[in-house]
Protein backbone atom coordinates (compact mmCIF):
# COMPACT_ATOMS: atom_id res chain seq x y z
CA MET A 1 238.90 -255.11 -55.36
CA ASP A 2 241.90 -253.42 -54.02
CA PHE A 3 245.51 -253.29 -55.39
CA THR A 4 248.15 -255.31 -53.55
CA ASP A 5 251.35 -253.65 -52.61
CA GLU A 6 252.98 -255.51 -55.65
CA GLN A 7 250.37 -254.32 -58.08
CA LEU A 8 250.75 -250.87 -57.06
CA GLU A 9 254.35 -250.95 -57.78
CA ARG A 10 254.05 -253.11 -61.00
CA TYR A 11 251.47 -250.78 -62.59
CA ALA A 12 252.80 -247.43 -61.08
CA ARG A 13 253.37 -245.90 -64.53
CA HIS A 14 249.93 -246.60 -65.47
CA ILE A 15 248.25 -245.43 -62.34
CA ILE A 16 249.89 -242.02 -62.26
CA LEU A 17 248.72 -241.40 -65.87
CA ARG A 18 245.75 -239.04 -65.61
CA ASP A 19 243.75 -240.94 -68.46
CA VAL A 20 244.35 -244.23 -66.72
CA GLY A 21 244.61 -244.00 -62.95
CA GLY A 22 243.63 -246.63 -60.56
CA ALA A 23 240.08 -247.07 -62.02
CA GLY A 24 241.69 -247.68 -65.42
CA GLN A 25 244.14 -250.23 -64.16
CA MET A 26 241.27 -252.02 -62.37
CA ALA A 27 239.41 -252.04 -65.90
CA LEU A 28 242.49 -253.66 -67.32
CA LEU A 29 242.57 -256.28 -64.60
CA LYS A 30 238.90 -257.13 -65.09
CA ALA A 31 239.11 -257.20 -68.84
CA LYS A 32 238.96 -260.38 -71.00
CA VAL A 33 240.70 -260.30 -74.42
CA LEU A 34 240.83 -263.05 -77.00
CA VAL A 35 244.02 -263.06 -79.32
CA VAL A 36 243.38 -265.01 -82.37
CA GLY A 37 246.89 -266.06 -83.65
CA ALA A 38 250.13 -266.22 -81.62
CA GLY A 39 252.29 -265.31 -84.56
CA GLY A 40 253.87 -262.18 -85.76
CA LEU A 41 251.09 -259.93 -84.70
CA GLY A 42 250.02 -261.98 -81.69
CA SER A 43 253.53 -262.01 -80.18
CA PRO A 44 253.58 -258.33 -79.36
CA ILE A 45 249.82 -258.04 -78.74
CA LEU A 46 250.00 -260.81 -76.07
CA SER A 47 253.26 -259.49 -74.55
CA TYR A 48 252.02 -255.92 -74.10
CA LEU A 49 248.52 -256.88 -72.92
CA ALA A 50 250.00 -259.14 -70.32
CA ALA A 51 252.45 -256.52 -69.30
CA ALA A 52 249.66 -254.03 -68.95
CA GLY A 53 247.73 -256.34 -66.55
CA VAL A 54 244.83 -257.45 -68.83
CA GLY A 55 243.28 -259.93 -66.43
CA THR A 56 242.25 -262.77 -68.76
CA ILE A 57 243.88 -263.47 -72.13
CA GLY A 58 242.73 -266.12 -74.46
CA ILE A 59 244.97 -267.55 -77.12
CA VAL A 60 243.66 -269.22 -80.19
CA ASP A 61 246.24 -271.06 -82.11
CA ASP A 62 246.37 -274.73 -83.40
CA ASP A 63 249.76 -274.42 -85.09
CA VAL A 64 253.25 -275.33 -83.78
CA VAL A 65 256.36 -273.19 -83.52
CA ASP A 66 258.71 -273.38 -86.55
CA LEU A 67 262.16 -272.28 -86.78
CA THR A 68 261.20 -269.79 -89.68
CA ASN A 69 258.64 -268.12 -87.17
CA LEU A 70 261.47 -267.01 -84.79
CA GLN A 71 262.57 -263.89 -87.06
CA ARG A 72 259.33 -262.24 -86.15
CA GLN A 73 257.43 -264.17 -83.58
CA ILE A 74 259.22 -263.02 -80.65
CA ILE A 75 257.19 -264.58 -77.98
CA HIS A 76 258.58 -267.90 -78.96
CA GLN A 77 262.14 -269.09 -78.40
CA THR A 78 264.40 -271.77 -80.07
CA ALA A 79 263.59 -274.31 -77.50
CA ASP A 80 259.93 -274.06 -78.37
CA VAL A 81 260.27 -275.15 -81.93
CA GLY A 82 257.98 -278.09 -82.49
CA GLY A 83 255.71 -277.39 -79.71
CA SER A 84 252.24 -275.73 -79.52
CA LYS A 85 252.23 -272.00 -80.28
CA ALA A 86 249.38 -271.44 -77.63
CA ALA A 87 251.36 -273.25 -75.02
CA SER A 88 254.52 -271.51 -75.73
CA ALA A 89 252.90 -268.19 -75.61
CA ALA A 90 251.07 -268.89 -72.44
CA ALA A 91 254.11 -270.02 -70.71
CA LYS A 92 255.85 -266.70 -71.45
CA ILE A 93 252.90 -264.81 -70.19
CA ASN A 94 252.84 -266.71 -66.91
CA VAL A 95 256.56 -265.81 -66.36
CA LEU A 96 255.79 -262.19 -67.16
CA ASN A 97 252.83 -261.43 -65.10
CA SER A 98 251.18 -263.81 -62.63
CA ASP A 99 248.09 -261.50 -62.37
CA VAL A 100 247.05 -262.88 -65.82
CA GLN A 101 244.75 -265.74 -66.34
CA VAL A 102 245.81 -267.47 -69.58
CA ARG A 103 243.41 -269.59 -71.42
CA GLU A 104 244.62 -271.82 -74.27
CA HIS A 105 242.34 -272.61 -77.20
CA LYS A 106 244.59 -275.13 -79.22
CA VAL A 107 242.13 -275.21 -82.10
CA ARG A 108 241.62 -273.64 -85.51
CA LEU A 109 238.80 -271.08 -85.17
CA ASP A 110 236.04 -272.05 -87.47
CA ALA A 111 232.31 -271.55 -88.03
CA ALA A 112 231.56 -274.47 -85.68
CA ASN A 113 233.39 -273.12 -82.49
CA ALA A 114 233.83 -269.22 -83.03
CA ALA A 115 230.70 -268.24 -81.24
CA ASP A 116 231.44 -270.48 -78.18
CA ILE A 117 234.92 -269.14 -77.85
CA ILE A 118 234.53 -265.44 -78.85
CA ASN A 119 231.38 -265.09 -76.39
CA ARG A 120 233.69 -265.67 -73.34
CA TYR A 121 235.67 -262.37 -73.99
CA ASP A 122 235.07 -258.66 -74.09
CA ILE A 123 237.42 -257.73 -77.13
CA VAL A 124 238.85 -259.67 -79.89
CA ALA A 125 242.39 -259.24 -81.53
CA ASP A 126 242.74 -260.70 -84.97
CA GLY A 127 246.35 -261.49 -85.88
CA THR A 128 245.71 -264.24 -88.45
CA ASP A 129 247.00 -264.33 -91.87
CA ASN A 130 244.00 -265.85 -94.03
CA PHE A 131 240.85 -264.30 -95.17
CA SER A 132 238.59 -267.13 -94.26
CA THR A 133 239.37 -266.98 -90.51
CA ARG A 134 239.16 -263.09 -90.61
CA HIS A 135 235.58 -263.34 -91.96
CA ILE A 136 234.61 -265.91 -89.49
CA VAL A 137 236.11 -263.77 -86.57
CA SER A 138 234.39 -260.59 -87.88
CA ASP A 139 231.00 -262.12 -88.54
CA THR A 140 231.02 -263.67 -85.15
CA CYS A 141 232.05 -260.41 -83.37
CA VAL A 142 229.28 -258.61 -85.23
CA ALA A 143 226.66 -261.13 -84.15
CA LEU A 144 227.81 -261.08 -80.47
CA GLU A 145 228.49 -257.35 -80.40
CA LYS A 146 232.10 -257.76 -79.65
CA THR A 147 234.82 -255.03 -80.61
CA LEU A 148 237.27 -256.47 -82.99
CA VAL A 149 240.74 -254.87 -83.47
CA SER A 150 242.14 -256.36 -86.64
CA GLY A 151 245.69 -256.09 -87.88
CA ALA A 152 247.35 -257.32 -91.22
CA LEU A 153 250.80 -257.45 -92.57
CA GLY A 154 252.79 -257.04 -95.81
CA PRO A 155 256.53 -257.33 -96.49
CA PHE A 156 257.37 -253.72 -95.36
CA GLU A 157 253.76 -252.54 -94.38
CA GLY A 158 250.73 -253.25 -92.27
CA GLN A 159 247.26 -252.00 -91.44
CA ILE A 160 245.18 -251.80 -88.40
CA ALA A 161 241.39 -251.08 -87.85
CA THR A 162 238.74 -251.27 -85.09
CA PHE A 163 235.34 -252.89 -85.93
CA LYS A 164 232.49 -252.28 -83.59
CA PRO A 165 229.24 -251.53 -85.63
CA HIS A 166 227.24 -252.33 -82.63
CA ALA A 167 228.62 -249.03 -81.08
CA GLY A 168 227.22 -246.39 -83.28
CA GLU A 169 225.42 -245.64 -86.61
CA GLY A 170 227.68 -245.83 -89.74
CA LEU A 171 230.44 -247.85 -88.04
CA PRO A 172 231.65 -250.65 -90.38
CA CYS A 173 232.49 -254.30 -89.94
CA TYR A 174 235.37 -256.16 -91.66
CA ARG A 175 233.10 -257.22 -94.49
CA CYS A 176 232.35 -253.58 -95.31
CA PHE A 177 235.96 -253.32 -96.20
CA LEU A 178 236.35 -256.75 -97.73
CA PRO A 179 233.05 -258.33 -98.63
CA GLU A 180 234.46 -261.66 -99.88
CA GLU A 181 237.66 -263.49 -100.01
CA PRO A 182 240.02 -262.69 -102.86
CA PRO A 183 240.69 -265.27 -105.21
CA GLU A 184 243.25 -268.06 -104.13
CA ASP A 185 246.06 -266.89 -106.40
CA MET A 186 245.85 -263.45 -104.91
CA GLN A 187 246.04 -264.71 -101.28
CA ARG A 188 249.75 -264.36 -100.25
CA THR A 189 251.30 -264.79 -96.77
CA CYS A 190 254.65 -264.04 -95.23
CA SER A 191 255.66 -267.59 -96.31
CA ASP A 192 254.95 -266.47 -100.03
CA LEU A 193 256.30 -262.85 -99.98
CA GLY A 194 258.58 -262.70 -97.01
CA ILE A 195 258.43 -259.83 -94.31
CA LEU A 196 260.80 -257.70 -92.32
CA GLY A 197 260.41 -259.04 -88.82
CA ALA A 198 260.43 -255.91 -86.95
CA VAL A 199 257.36 -254.73 -89.04
CA ALA A 200 255.36 -257.25 -87.27
CA GLY A 201 256.49 -255.94 -84.15
CA VAL A 202 255.41 -252.39 -85.01
CA VAL A 203 252.03 -253.10 -86.11
CA GLY A 204 251.23 -255.68 -83.49
CA THR A 205 252.24 -253.02 -80.80
CA MET A 206 250.02 -250.62 -82.41
CA GLN A 207 247.18 -253.09 -82.38
CA ALA A 208 247.89 -253.79 -78.60
CA THR A 209 247.67 -249.95 -77.92
CA GLU A 210 244.25 -249.76 -79.63
CA ILE A 211 243.06 -252.58 -77.52
CA LEU A 212 244.06 -250.92 -74.39
CA LYS A 213 242.43 -247.63 -75.52
CA GLU A 214 239.08 -249.52 -76.11
CA ILE A 215 239.33 -251.08 -72.59
CA LEU A 216 240.14 -247.69 -71.10
CA GLY A 217 237.92 -245.61 -73.17
CA ILE A 218 240.57 -243.13 -73.98
CA GLY A 219 241.70 -241.26 -76.92
CA ASP A 220 240.29 -241.53 -80.51
CA SER A 221 239.20 -245.02 -81.62
CA LEU A 222 240.10 -246.38 -84.94
CA ALA A 223 236.46 -247.52 -85.41
CA GLY A 224 235.35 -246.24 -88.73
CA LYS A 225 238.98 -245.77 -89.95
CA MET A 226 241.99 -247.79 -91.12
CA LEU A 227 245.63 -246.93 -90.31
CA PHE A 228 248.43 -247.87 -92.80
CA TYR A 229 251.91 -248.09 -91.66
CA ASP A 230 254.84 -248.02 -94.35
CA ALA A 231 258.19 -249.04 -92.83
CA LEU A 232 260.19 -248.14 -95.92
CA GLY A 233 258.65 -244.77 -96.05
CA ALA A 234 258.61 -244.44 -92.15
CA THR A 235 255.12 -243.10 -92.49
CA THR A 236 251.56 -243.69 -91.36
CA ARG A 237 248.26 -242.46 -92.74
CA VAL A 238 244.65 -242.78 -91.68
CA ILE A 239 241.67 -243.11 -94.08
CA GLY A 240 238.01 -243.16 -93.27
CA LEU A 241 236.35 -246.62 -93.52
CA PRO A 242 232.50 -246.16 -93.86
CA GLN A 243 229.87 -248.80 -93.25
CA ASP A 244 228.42 -250.45 -96.40
CA PRO A 245 224.77 -249.65 -96.17
CA ASN A 246 224.07 -252.85 -98.03
CA CYS A 247 226.43 -255.05 -95.93
CA ALA A 248 224.62 -258.45 -95.25
CA VAL A 249 226.47 -258.77 -91.99
CA CYS A 250 226.43 -255.47 -90.13
CA ALA A 251 223.96 -252.94 -91.77
CA GLY A 252 221.18 -251.86 -89.47
CA ARG A 253 222.68 -253.52 -86.35
CA SER A 254 223.96 -250.45 -84.61
CA GLN A 255 222.45 -249.28 -81.25
CA ASN A 256 221.82 -245.94 -82.88
CA ALA A 257 220.37 -247.04 -86.04
């Protein structure tokens, strides 16, 4: 596959990067990424993946755009209120970059459909806000040996981690970090606690960067680590995240085990 003149111009700032180049840009164009959730995290993830030329992007979201979303879910606009989030996000991607094939999955990801949807993609980005879906996504990615880049938000903070226990001994899955759902009274979302909108943009953009790094095979992966971002302190820190040797989902599944 050769680049068109338009692609050479569009992706010129990637192609001149020594760690990306033409081969890296071609890898992006051939990549397939599933983004679960077209909200606060999904908005910058989808925007930057599309801008980078990721060739196939899937969007899973069964929700509709609400006026309260627009303070942080920047892929949607006032005119989109009341309409499908997946359709709204897909429309913006189509305007941004015609190289990208967008697949809309207007469903709630659950145990019945997760494997069928996730198996169509190379990498999964989790931008959801509930623990049940996060566990379903993680468990399915482990079973199908798909790399998962996960993000989560608080009012003024966020966290990002990459989970790919299939890629090496000792690498954890999401359940190594959180084996079970917290009690219901401890499960709070943005609608409960509030959130500074730009925090979602920062964390989602970091998540998009980690996805691009995984596709390109460059830099240091966040596999086996978790990055914490504190907006009020203007700080980030990275901690180690080991595999739980007794994890019922991922222990003993790595290629090097």
